């Protein structure tokens, strides 16, 4: 039976985070999709300690491991390598291997992609904890606190419980109903990936700067594409001191890199999505908050 979906996961030095990410992508965790419907392609972007093959051996589906030696600091090249290696007609990219997935993400992406001949499929991004990870130090959120938080719920039995211990990511601060700054789970037909040329490898900051934002905007604004957003699914970022979330590279520096390549500052694409999918009860609190944000005109919660 031919594959329906390839999921590319880029990782760097994530021995703590990657096992959880892969458990949420495992067929035993994902719902509504069979093990032989999809593959996962893990791309190790030059981690000092390579990804342990034993981690992949415990995966109950099709999984492959690629490695980039002497890797550049940006994940763009590694992501493109994985996309090129993908064998299915629909390819999803999780550019940060620290992002866990909700149980219906993959089945929802496959279903959504059947609704248009040039689909751009995504879901809202969340951070584990009570605040986005750029502000983690303010509330004492660190890896130990996050481990305890994850230990307080049975996410391996029901991954939707992750919604109960998460908040909107910086890219999704406008909530489920507002424009997203980037996609942390982007699914496109393989032909559209080729047309876009993948990620622009000229974005060379560690972590890629706005390379993922740029990809999302180009996908959403490509001719005759349709943005389809899974209203009840998401990805959940684990705290790991990433380049952006740790503020090693600030917003202004990343904007400057984008402006140098595109001639203007980055703005989220003004493309209205088509929302679809079921809403688990655990998502309702985030949906209610999203309605409040929409009624307030998508002003930041701390805005006067």
C-alpha atoms as a PDB file:
ATOM      1  CA  UNK A   1       0.000   0.000   0.000  1.00  0.00           C
ATOM      2  CA  UNK A   2       1.560   3.351  -1.004  1.00  0.00           C
ATOM      3  CA  UNK A   3       2.361   5.948   1.610  1.00  0.00           C
ATOM      4  CA  UNK A   4      -0.064   8.847   1.932  1.00  0.00           C
ATOM      5  CA  UNK A   5       2.070  11.131   4.114  1.00  0.00           C
ATOM      6  CA  UNK A   6       5.700  11.815   4.974  1.00  0.00           C
ATOM      7  CA  UNK A   7       6.493  13.781   8.139  1.00  0.00           C
ATOM      8  CA  UNK A   8       9.932  15.436   8.327  1.00  0.00           C
ATOM      9  CA  UNK A   9      11.277  16.224  11.801  1.00  0.00           C
ATOM     10  CA  UNK A  10      14.476  18.256  12.178  1.00  0.00           C
ATOM     11  CA  UNK A  11      16.410  17.831  15.397  1.00  0.00           C
ATOM     12  CA  UNK A  12      19.577  19.162  16.987  1.00  0.00           C
ATOM     13  CA  UNK A  13      20.849  18.096  20.427  1.00  0.00           C
ATOM     14  CA  UNK A  14      17.375  17.104  21.650  1.00  0.00           C
ATOM     15  CA  UNK A  15      18.051  13.904  23.580  1.00  0.00           C
ATOM     16  CA  UNK A  16      15.412  14.942  26.139  1.00  0.00           C
ATOM     17  CA  UNK A  17      12.782  16.295  23.750  1.00  0.00           C
ATOM     18  CA  UNK A  18      12.959  14.110  20.635  1.00  0.00           C
ATOM     19  CA  UNK A  19      11.778  10.859  22.308  1.00  0.00           C
ATOM     20  CA  UNK A  20       8.562  12.585  23.399  1.00  0.00           C
ATOM     21  CA  UNK A  21       8.090  14.146  19.981  1.00  0.00           C
ATOM     22  CA  UNK A  22       8.428  10.755  18.295  1.00  0.00           C
ATOM     23  CA  UNK A  23       6.085   9.106  20.802  1.00  0.00           C
ATOM     24  CA  UNK A  24       3.390  11.582  19.799  1.00  0.00           C
ATOM     25  CA  UNK A  25       3.977  10.768  16.120  1.00  0.00           C
ATOM     26  CA  UNK A  26       3.946   7.014  16.724  1.00  0.00           C
ATOM     27  CA  UNK A  27       0.955   5.125  15.242  1.00  0.00           C
ATOM     28  CA  UNK A  28       0.078   4.042  18.785  1.00  0.00           C
ATOM     29  CA  UNK A  29      -0.515   7.722  19.635  1.00  0.00           C
ATOM     30  CA  UNK A  30      -1.916   9.119  16.399  1.00  0.00           C
ATOM     31  CA  UNK A  31      -5.590   8.435  15.731  1.00  0.00           C
ATOM     32  CA  UNK A  32      -7.482   7.836  12.495  1.00  0.00           C
ATOM     33  CA  UNK A  33      -4.420   6.921  10.470  1.00  0.00           C
ATOM     34  CA  UNK A  34      -2.804   3.522   9.941  1.00  0.00           C
ATOM     35  CA  UNK A  35       0.858   2.773  10.529  1.00  0.00           C
ATOM     36  CA  UNK A  36       1.403   1.965   6.860  1.00  0.00           C
ATOM     37  CA  UNK A  37      -0.185   5.238   5.744  1.00  0.00           C
ATOM     38  CA  UNK A  38       2.787   7.390   6.719  1.00  0.00           C
ATOM     39  CA  UNK A  39       6.490   7.591   7.376  1.00  0.00           C
ATOM     40  CA  UNK A  40       8.546   9.803   9.656  1.00  0.00           C
ATOM     41  CA  UNK A  41      11.880  11.132   8.395  1.00  0.00           C
ATOM     42  CA  UNK A  42      14.119  12.359  11.220  1.00  0.00           C
ATOM     43  CA  UNK A  43      16.953  14.640  10.128  1.00  0.00           C
ATOM     44  CA  UNK A  44      19.746  15.101  12.665  1.00  0.00           C
ATOM     45  CA  UNK A  45      21.238  18.522  11.928  1.00  0.00           C
ATOM     46  CA  UNK A  46      24.742  17.694  13.154  1.00  0.00           C
ATOM     47  CA  UNK A  47      24.002  17.026  16.838  1.00  0.00           C
ATOM     48  CA  UNK A  48      27.240  16.650  18.863  1.00  0.00           C
ATOM     49  CA  UNK A  49      25.824  13.322  20.080  1.00  0.00           C
ATOM     50  CA  UNK A  50      24.039  11.712  17.132  1.00  0.00           C
ATOM     51  CA  UNK A  51      20.458  10.537  17.488  1.00  0.00           C
ATOM     52  CA  UNK A  52      20.415   7.064  19.024  1.00  0.00           C
ATOM     53  CA  UNK A  53      19.215   4.457  16.556  1.00  0.00           C
ATOM     54  CA  UNK A  54      17.594   2.595  19.455  1.00  0.00           C
ATOM     55  CA  UNK A  55      15.115   5.462  19.720  1.00  0.00           C
ATOM     56  CA  UNK A  56      13.943   4.768  16.191  1.00  0.00           C
ATOM     57  CA  UNK A  57      13.876   1.010  16.757  1.00  0.00           C
ATOM     58  CA  UNK A  58      11.105   1.551  19.321  1.00  0.00           C
ATOM     59  CA  UNK A  59       8.888   3.373  16.823  1.00  0.00           C
ATOM     60  CA  UNK A  60       5.870   1.304  15.781  1.00  0.00           C
ATOM     61  CA  UNK A  61       5.814   2.472  12.170  1.00  0.00           C
ATOM     62  CA  UNK A  62       8.007   3.464   9.255  1.00  0.00           C
ATOM     63  CA  UNK A  63      10.809   5.774  10.327  1.00  0.00           C
ATOM     64  CA  UNK A  64      14.106   6.775   8.755  1.00  0.00           C
ATOM     65  CA  UNK A  65      17.088   8.692  10.086  1.00  0.00           C
ATOM     66  CA  UNK A  66      19.236  11.069   8.052  1.00  0.00           C
ATOM     67  CA  UNK A  67      22.189  13.028   9.403  1.00  0.00           C
ATOM     68  CA  UNK A  68      23.909  16.208   8.266  1.00  0.00           C
ATOM     69  CA  UNK A  69      27.566  16.297   9.307  1.00  0.00           C
ATOM     70  CA  UNK A  70      29.324  19.676   9.503  1.00  0.00           C
ATOM     71  CA  UNK A  71      25.833  21.148   9.543  1.00  0.00           C
ATOM     72  CA  UNK A  72      25.149  24.883   9.208  1.00  0.00           C
ATOM     73  CA  UNK A  73      23.544  26.536  12.253  1.00  0.00           C
ATOM     74  CA  UNK A  74      20.239  27.047  10.434  1.00  0.00           C
ATOM     75  CA  UNK A  75      17.887  24.051  10.096  1.00  0.00           C
ATOM     76  CA  UNK A  76      16.948  25.036   6.531  1.00  0.00           C
ATOM     77  CA  UNK A  77      19.360  22.677   4.762  1.00  0.00           C
ATOM     78  CA  UNK A  78      18.421  19.742   7.004  1.00  0.00           C
ATOM     79  CA  UNK A  79      14.723  20.396   6.422  1.00  0.00           C
ATOM     80  CA  UNK A  80      15.223  20.517   2.663  1.00  0.00           C
ATOM     81  CA  UNK A  81      17.184  17.265   2.789  1.00  0.00           C
ATOM     82  CA  UNK A  82      14.310  15.567   4.578  1.00  0.00           C
ATOM     83  CA  UNK A  83      11.711  17.008   2.217  1.00  0.00           C
ATOM     84  CA  UNK A  84      13.686  15.775  -0.794  1.00  0.00           C
ATOM     85  CA  UNK A  85      13.937  12.297   0.769  1.00  0.00           C
ATOM     86  CA  UNK A  86      10.198  12.110   1.515  1.00  0.00           C
ATOM     87  CA  UNK A  87       8.405   9.437  -0.491  1.00  0.00           C
ATOM     88  CA  UNK A  88       4.720  10.348  -0.050  1.00  0.00           C
ATOM     89  CA  UNK A  89       2.643  12.754  -2.175  1.00  0.00           C
ATOM     90  CA  UNK A  90       1.869  14.861   0.936  1.00  0.00           C
ATOM     91  CA  UNK A  91       4.808  16.095   3.023  1.00  0.00           C
ATOM     92  CA  UNK A  92       4.630  17.642   6.480  1.00  0.00           C
ATOM     93  CA  UNK A  93       7.449  19.579   8.117  1.00  0.00           C
ATOM     94  CA  UNK A  94       8.028  19.912  11.854  1.00  0.00           C
ATOM     95  CA  UNK A  95      11.128  22.054  11.702  1.00  0.00           C
ATOM     96  CA  UNK A  96      11.747  21.868  15.469  1.00  0.00           C
ATOM     97  CA  UNK A  97      12.125  18.352  16.861  1.00  0.00           C
ATOM     98  CA  UNK A  98      11.037  19.579  20.296  1.00  0.00           C
ATOM     99  CA  UNK A  99       7.399  19.891  19.188  1.00  0.00           C
ATOM    100  CA  UNK A 100       4.981  17.212  20.346  1.00  0.00           C
ATOM    101  CA  UNK A 101       1.832  16.620  18.280  1.00  0.00           C
ATOM    102  CA  UNK A 102      -1.822  16.165  19.129  1.00  0.00           C
ATOM    103  CA  UNK A 103      -3.357  12.774  18.275  1.00  0.00           C
ATOM    104  CA  UNK A 104      -5.405  13.850  15.257  1.00  0.00           C
ATOM    105  CA  UNK A 105      -2.802  16.012  13.556  1.00  0.00           C
ATOM    106  CA  UNK A 106      -1.688  13.550  10.884  1.00  0.00           C
ATOM    107  CA  UNK A 107      -5.112  12.155  10.010  1.00  0.00           C
ATOM    108  CA  UNK A 108      -6.479  15.697   9.907  1.00  0.00           C
ATOM    109  CA  UNK A 109      -3.728  16.819   7.559  1.00  0.00           C
ATOM    110  CA  UNK A 110      -4.352  13.926   5.177  1.00  0.00           C
ATOM    111  CA  UNK A 111      -8.101  14.595   5.142  1.00  0.00           C
ATOM    112  CA  UNK A 112      -7.706  18.356   4.740  1.00  0.00           C
ATOM    113  CA  UNK A 113      -5.322  17.923   1.819  1.00  0.00           C
ATOM    114  CA  UNK A 114      -8.065  16.182  -0.182  1.00  0.00           C
ATOM    115  CA  UNK A 115     -10.206  19.337  -0.170  1.00  0.00           C
ATOM    116  CA  UNK A 116      -8.134  21.358  -2.626  1.00  0.00           C
ATOM    117  CA  UNK A 117      -5.659  20.678  -5.411  1.00  0.00           C
ATOM    118  CA  UNK A 118      -3.059  23.035  -3.848  1.00  0.00           C
ATOM    119  CA  UNK A 119      -3.641  22.764  -0.098  1.00  0.00           C
ATOM    120  CA  UNK A 120      -1.610  24.466   2.626  1.00  0.00           C
ATOM    121  CA  UNK A 121      -2.482  22.635   5.848  1.00  0.00           C
ATOM    122  CA  UNK A 122      -1.475  23.696   9.344  1.00  0.00           C
ATOM    123  CA  UNK A 123      -2.505  23.773  13.008  1.00  0.00           C
ATOM    124  CA  UNK A 124      -2.087  26.215  15.879  1.00  0.00           C
ATOM    125  CA  UNK A 125       1.209  26.190  17.795  1.00  0.00           C
ATOM    126  CA  UNK A 126       1.384  25.986  21.589  1.00  0.00           C
ATOM    127  CA  UNK A 127       4.102  26.109  24.245  1.00  0.00           C
ATOM    128  CA  UNK A 128       4.036  23.843  27.285  1.00  0.00           C
ATOM    129  CA  UNK A 129       3.523  25.866  30.453  1.00  0.00           C
ATOM    130  CA  UNK A 130       1.629  28.999  31.402  1.00  0.00           C
ATOM    131  CA  UNK A 131       3.571  31.491  29.255  1.00  0.00           C
ATOM    132  CA  UNK A 132       5.355  31.433  25.892  1.00  0.00           C
ATOM    133  CA  UNK A 133       8.906  30.170  26.335  1.00  0.00           C
ATOM    134  CA  UNK A 134      10.401  33.559  25.509  1.00  0.00           C
ATOM    135  CA  UNK A 135       9.043  34.552  28.955  1.00  0.00           C
ATOM    136  CA  UNK A 136       9.769  31.282  30.768  1.00  0.00           C
ATOM    137  CA  UNK A 137      12.307  32.836  33.125  1.00  0.00           C
ATOM    138  CA  UNK A 138       9.627  35.218  34.464  1.00  0.00           C
ATOM    139  CA  UNK A 139       7.593  32.350  35.924  1.00  0.00           C
ATOM    140  CA  UNK A 140      10.392  29.896  36.694  1.00  0.00           C
ATOM    141  CA  UNK A 141       9.539  27.544  33.863  1.00  0.00           C
ATOM    142  CA  UNK A 142      12.523  25.353  33.035  1.00  0.00           C
ATOM    143  CA  UNK A 143      13.075  21.766  31.946  1.00  0.00           C
ATOM    144  CA  UNK A 144      12.574  20.363  35.452  1.00  0.00           C
ATOM    145  CA  UNK A 145       9.317  22.272  35.892  1.00  0.00           C
ATOM    146  CA  UNK A 146       8.184  21.108  32.477  1.00  0.00           C
ATOM    147  CA  UNK A 147       9.017  17.483  33.257  1.00  0.00           C
ATOM    148  CA  UNK A 148       6.863  17.754  36.369  1.00  0.00           C
ATOM    149  CA  UNK A 149       4.083  19.364  34.365  1.00  0.00           C
ATOM    150  CA  UNK A 150       4.119  16.560  31.812  1.00  0.00           C
ATOM    151  CA  UNK A 151       4.196  14.064  34.652  1.00  0.00           C
ATOM    152  CA  UNK A 152       0.983  15.540  36.029  1.00  0.00           C
ATOM    153  CA  UNK A 153      -1.089  14.353  33.042  1.00  0.00           C
ATOM    154  CA  UNK A 154      -1.342  11.079  31.153  1.00  0.00           C
ATOM    155  CA  UNK A 155      -0.430  12.517  27.759  1.00  0.00           C
ATOM    156  CA  UNK A 156       0.767   9.155  26.459  1.00  0.00           C
ATOM    157  CA  UNK A 157      -2.726   7.735  26.939  1.00  0.00           C
ATOM    158  CA  UNK A 158      -4.553  10.836  25.666  1.00  0.00           C
ATOM    159  CA  UNK A 159      -2.412  13.384  23.868  1.00  0.00           C
ATOM    160  CA  UNK A 160      -5.214  15.940  23.916  1.00  0.00           C
ATOM    161  CA  UNK A 161      -4.368  16.424  27.594  1.00  0.00           C
ATOM    162  CA  UNK A 162      -1.390  18.493  26.371  1.00  0.00           C
ATOM    163  CA  UNK A 163      -3.833  21.322  25.686  1.00  0.00           C
ATOM    164  CA  UNK A 164      -4.558  21.529  29.424  1.00  0.00           C
ATOM    165  CA  UNK A 165      -0.937  22.424  30.272  1.00  0.00           C
ATOM    166  CA  UNK A 166      -0.129  24.737  27.377  1.00  0.00           C
ATOM    167  CA  UNK A 167      -0.483  28.293  26.139  1.00  0.00           C
ATOM    168  CA  UNK A 168      -0.416  29.867  22.690  1.00  0.00           C
ATOM    169  CA  UNK A 169       3.051  30.082  21.139  1.00  0.00           C
ATOM    170  CA  UNK A 170       4.426  33.457  20.133  1.00  0.00           C
ATOM    171  CA  UNK A 171       3.604  32.747  16.492  1.00  0.00           C
ATOM    172  CA  UNK A 172      -0.002  31.955  17.478  1.00  0.00           C
ATOM    173  CA  UNK A 173      -0.534  34.649  20.114  1.00  0.00           C
ATOM    174  CA  UNK A 174      -3.684  35.808  18.255  1.00  0.00           C
ATOM    175  CA  UNK A 175      -5.256  32.462  19.087  1.00  0.00           C
ATOM    176  CA  UNK A 176      -6.822  29.796  16.931  1.00  0.00           C
ATOM    177  CA  UNK A 177      -8.914  32.283  14.940  1.00  0.00           C
ATOM    178  CA  UNK A 178      -6.227  34.882  14.260  1.00  0.00           C
ATOM    179  CA  UNK A 179      -3.471  35.040  11.635  1.00  0.00           C
ATOM    180  CA  UNK A 180      -0.453  32.871  12.447  1.00  0.00           C
ATOM    181  CA  UNK A 181       3.065  34.243  12.153  1.00  0.00           C
ATOM    182  CA  UNK A 182       4.486  30.899  11.065  1.00  0.00           C
ATOM    183  CA  UNK A 183       3.548  27.232  10.911  1.00  0.00           C
ATOM    184  CA  UNK A 184       5.097  24.666  13.229  1.00  0.00           C
ATOM    185  CA  UNK A 185       3.339  21.847  11.368  1.00  0.00           C
ATOM    186  CA  UNK A 186       3.137  22.625   7.670  1.00  0.00           C
ATOM    187  CA  UNK A 187       1.735  20.060   5.214  1.00  0.00           C
ATOM    188  CA  UNK A 188       2.012  20.623   1.464  1.00  0.00           C
ATOM    189  CA  UNK A 189       1.820  18.419  -1.640  1.00  0.00           C
ATOM    190  CA  UNK A 190       5.283  17.299  -2.721  1.00  0.00           C
ATOM    191  CA  UNK A 191       4.839  19.180  -5.998  1.00  0.00           C
ATOM    192  CA  UNK A 192       4.194  22.441  -4.122  1.00  0.00           C
ATOM    193  CA  UNK A 193       7.294  21.892  -1.984  1.00  0.00           C
ATOM    194  CA  UNK A 194       9.298  21.598  -5.202  1.00  0.00           C
ATOM    195  CA  UNK A 195       7.672  24.691  -6.654  1.00  0.00           C
ATOM    196  CA  UNK A 196       8.542  26.733  -3.557  1.00  0.00           C
ATOM    197  CA  UNK A 197      12.080  25.368  -3.476  1.00  0.00           C
ATOM    198  CA  UNK A 198      11.721  24.330   0.159  1.00  0.00           C
ATOM    199  CA  UNK A 199      13.220  26.592   2.812  1.00  0.00           C
ATOM    200  CA  UNK A 200      15.469  29.437   1.724  1.00  0.00           C
ATOM    201  CA  UNK A 201      18.925  28.438   2.924  1.00  0.00           C
ATOM    202  CA  UNK A 202      20.139  32.027   2.820  1.00  0.00           C
ATOM    203  CA  UNK A 203      18.470  32.455   6.230  1.00  0.00           C
ATOM    204  CA  UNK A 204      21.611  31.491   8.119  1.00  0.00           C
ATOM    205  CA  UNK A 205      21.054  32.571  11.730  1.00  0.00           C
ATOM    206  CA  UNK A 206      21.204  29.766  14.306  1.00  0.00           C
ATOM    207  CA  UNK A 207      17.688  28.405  14.452  1.00  0.00           C
ATOM    208  CA  UNK A 208      17.041  29.907  11.018  1.00  0.00           C
ATOM    209  CA  UNK A 209      15.746  33.311  12.066  1.00  0.00           C
ATOM    210  CA  UNK A 210      12.585  33.909  10.054  1.00  0.00           C
ATOM    211  CA  UNK A 211      13.217  31.067   7.603  1.00  0.00           C
ATOM    212  CA  UNK A 212      10.105  29.193   8.741  1.00  0.00           C
ATOM    213  CA  UNK A 213       8.017  32.383   8.740  1.00  0.00           C
ATOM    214  CA  UNK A 214       9.210  33.061   5.197  1.00  0.00           C
ATOM    215  CA  UNK A 215       8.269  29.550   4.092  1.00  0.00           C
ATOM    216  CA  UNK A 216       4.782  29.865   5.573  1.00  0.00           C
ATOM    217  CA  UNK A 217       4.160  33.222   3.921  1.00  0.00           C
ATOM    218  CA  UNK A 218       5.364  32.002   0.541  1.00  0.00           C
ATOM    219  CA  UNK A 219       3.170  28.904   0.772  1.00  0.00           C
ATOM    220  CA  UNK A 220       0.068  30.877   1.772  1.00  0.00           C
ATOM    221  CA  UNK A 221       0.544  33.472  -0.956  1.00  0.00           C
ATOM    222  CA  UNK A 222       1.518  31.114  -3.782  1.00  0.00           C
ATOM    223  CA  UNK A 223      -0.975  31.238  -6.683  1.00  0.00           C
ATOM    224  CA  UNK A 224      -4.219  29.321  -6.195  1.00  0.00           C
ATOM    225  CA  UNK A 225      -3.364  27.786  -2.821  1.00  0.00           C
ATOM    226  CA  UNK A 226      -5.915  27.331  -0.065  1.00  0.00           C
ATOM    227  CA  UNK A 227      -5.050  27.611   3.637  1.00  0.00           C
ATOM    228  CA  UNK A 228      -6.715  24.874   5.684  1.00  0.00           C
ATOM    229  CA  UNK A 229      -6.320  25.031   9.470  1.00  0.00           C
ATOM    230  CA  UNK A 230      -7.078  22.157  11.828  1.00  0.00           C
ATOM    231  CA  UNK A 231      -9.044  23.903  14.556  1.00  0.00           C
ATOM    232  CA  UNK A 232      -8.733  21.171  17.193  1.00  0.00           C
ATOM    233  CA  UNK A 233      -5.134  20.043  16.668  1.00  0.00           C
ATOM    234  CA  UNK A 234      -1.744  21.528  17.463  1.00  0.00           C
ATOM    235  CA  UNK A 235       1.928  21.131  18.260  1.00  0.00           C
ATOM    236  CA  UNK A 236       3.422  21.680  21.713  1.00  0.00           C
ATOM    237  CA  UNK A 237       6.909  23.112  22.139  1.00  0.00           C
ATOM    238  CA  UNK A 238       9.110  21.697  24.855  1.00  0.00           C
ATOM    239  CA  UNK A 239      11.488  24.091  26.585  1.00  0.00           C
ATOM    240  CA  UNK A 240      15.031  23.492  25.382  1.00  0.00           C
ATOM    241  CA  UNK A 241      16.771  26.841  25.041  1.00  0.00           C
ATOM    242  CA  UNK A 242      16.166  27.248  21.315  1.00  0.00           C
ATOM    243  CA  UNK A 243      17.661  30.218  19.470  1.00  0.00           C
ATOM    244  CA  UNK A 244      14.400  32.166  19.298  1.00  0.00           C
ATOM    245  CA  UNK A 245      12.633  31.060  22.473  1.00  0.00           C
ATOM    246  CA  UNK A 246      15.747  31.683  24.592  1.00  0.00           C
ATOM    247  CA  UNK A 247      16.095  35.136  23.005  1.00  0.00           C
ATOM    248  CA  UNK A 248      19.687  34.506  21.932  1.00  0.00           C
ATOM    249  CA  UNK A 249      18.558  36.206  18.748  1.00  0.00           C
ATOM    250  CA  UNK A 250      15.963  38.903  19.163  1.00  0.00           C
ATOM    251  CA  UNK A 251      13.006  39.814  17.018  1.00  0.00           C
ATOM    252  CA  UNK A 252      14.768  42.876  15.595  1.00  0.00           C
ATOM    253  CA  UNK A 253      17.781  40.842  14.476  1.00  0.00           C
ATOM    254  CA  UNK A 254      15.573  38.269  12.798  1.00  0.00           C
ATOM    255  CA  UNK A 255      13.523  41.024  11.147  1.00  0.00           C
ATOM    256  CA  UNK A 256      16.764  42.556   9.850  1.00  0.00           C
ATOM    257  CA  UNK A 257      17.715  39.231   8.287  1.00  0.00           C
ATOM    258  CA  UNK A 258      14.325  38.946   6.640  1.00  0.00           C
ATOM    259  CA  UNK A 259      14.440  42.532   5.361  1.00  0.00           C
ATOM    260  CA  UNK A 260      17.887  41.954   3.853  1.00  0.00           C
ATOM    261  CA  UNK A 261      16.501  39.108   1.744  1.00  0.00           C
ATOM    262  CA  UNK A 262      12.948  40.280   1.032  1.00  0.00           C
ATOM    263  CA  UNK A 263      13.253  44.076   1.094  1.00  0.00           C
ATOM    264  CA  UNK A 264      10.612  44.646   3.782  1.00  0.00           C
ATOM    265  CA  UNK A 265       9.794  43.613   7.349  1.00  0.00           C
ATOM    266  CA  UNK A 266       8.007  40.337   7.910  1.00  0.00           C
ATOM    267  CA  UNK A 267       4.251  40.339   8.360  1.00  0.00           C
ATOM    268  CA  UNK A 268       1.948  37.341   8.762  1.00  0.00           C
ATOM    269  CA  UNK A 269       0.135  36.447   5.545  1.00  0.00           C
ATOM    270  CA  UNK A 270      -3.331  37.995   5.397  1.00  0.00           C
ATOM    271  CA  UNK A 271      -5.001  34.858   4.104  1.00  0.00           C
ATOM    272  CA  UNK A 272      -8.253  33.714   5.682  1.00  0.00           C
ATOM    273  CA  UNK A 273      -8.078  30.018   6.551  1.00  0.00           C
ATOM    274  CA  UNK A 274     -10.767  27.434   6.167  1.00  0.00           C
ATOM    275  CA  UNK A 275     -11.193  25.848   9.606  1.00  0.00           C
ATOM    276  CA  UNK A 276     -12.004  22.179   9.857  1.00  0.00           C
ATOM    277  CA  UNK A 277     -11.837  19.211  12.181  1.00  0.00           C
ATOM    278  CA  UNK A 278     -13.254  18.085  15.490  1.00  0.00           C
ATOM    279  CA  UNK A 279     -12.695  19.964  18.755  1.00  0.00           C
ATOM    280  CA  UNK A 280     -11.772  17.828  21.766  1.00  0.00           C
ATOM    281  CA  UNK A 281     -13.133  19.129  25.093  1.00  0.00           C
ATOM    282  CA  UNK A 282      -9.553  19.886  26.200  1.00  0.00           C
ATOM    283  CA  UNK A 283      -9.314  22.480  23.417  1.00  0.00           C
ATOM    284  CA  UNK A 284     -12.399  24.451  24.457  1.00  0.00           C
ATOM    285  CA  UNK A 285     -10.552  26.769  26.852  1.00  0.00           C
ATOM    286  CA  UNK A 286      -8.170  27.812  24.089  1.00  0.00           C
ATOM    287  CA  UNK A 287     -11.072  28.262  21.689  1.00  0.00           C
ATOM    288  CA  UNK A 288     -12.890  30.497  24.195  1.00  0.00           C
ATOM    289  CA  UNK A 289      -9.722  32.574  24.643  1.00  0.00           C
ATOM    290  CA  UNK A 290      -9.457  32.806  20.857  1.00  0.00           C
ATOM    291  CA  UNK A 291     -12.969  34.215  20.583  1.00  0.00           C
ATOM    292  CA  UNK A 292     -12.096  36.876  23.171  1.00  0.00           C
ATOM    293  CA  UNK A 293      -8.955  37.794  21.241  1.00  0.00           C
ATOM    294  CA  UNK A 294     -10.928  38.020  18.009  1.00  0.00           C
ATOM    295  CA  UNK A 295     -13.564  40.259  19.615  1.00  0.00           C
ATOM    296  CA  UNK A 296     -10.761  42.494  20.907  1.00  0.00           C
ATOM    297  CA  UNK A 297      -9.409  42.913  17.390  1.00  0.00           C
ATOM    298  CA  UNK A 298      -6.422  40.609  18.007  1.00  0.00           C
ATOM    299  CA  UNK A 299      -4.720  43.040  20.350  1.00  0.00           C
ATOM    300  CA  UNK A 300      -2.047  41.560  22.561  1.00  0.00           C
ATOM    301  CA  UNK A 301      -3.490  40.679  25.986  1.00  0.00           C
ATOM    302  CA  UNK A 302      -1.121  43.097  27.743  1.00  0.00           C
ATOM    303  CA  UNK A 303      -1.883  45.973  25.352  1.00  0.00           C
ATOM    304  CA  UNK A 304      -3.398  49.064  26.917  1.00  0.00           C
END
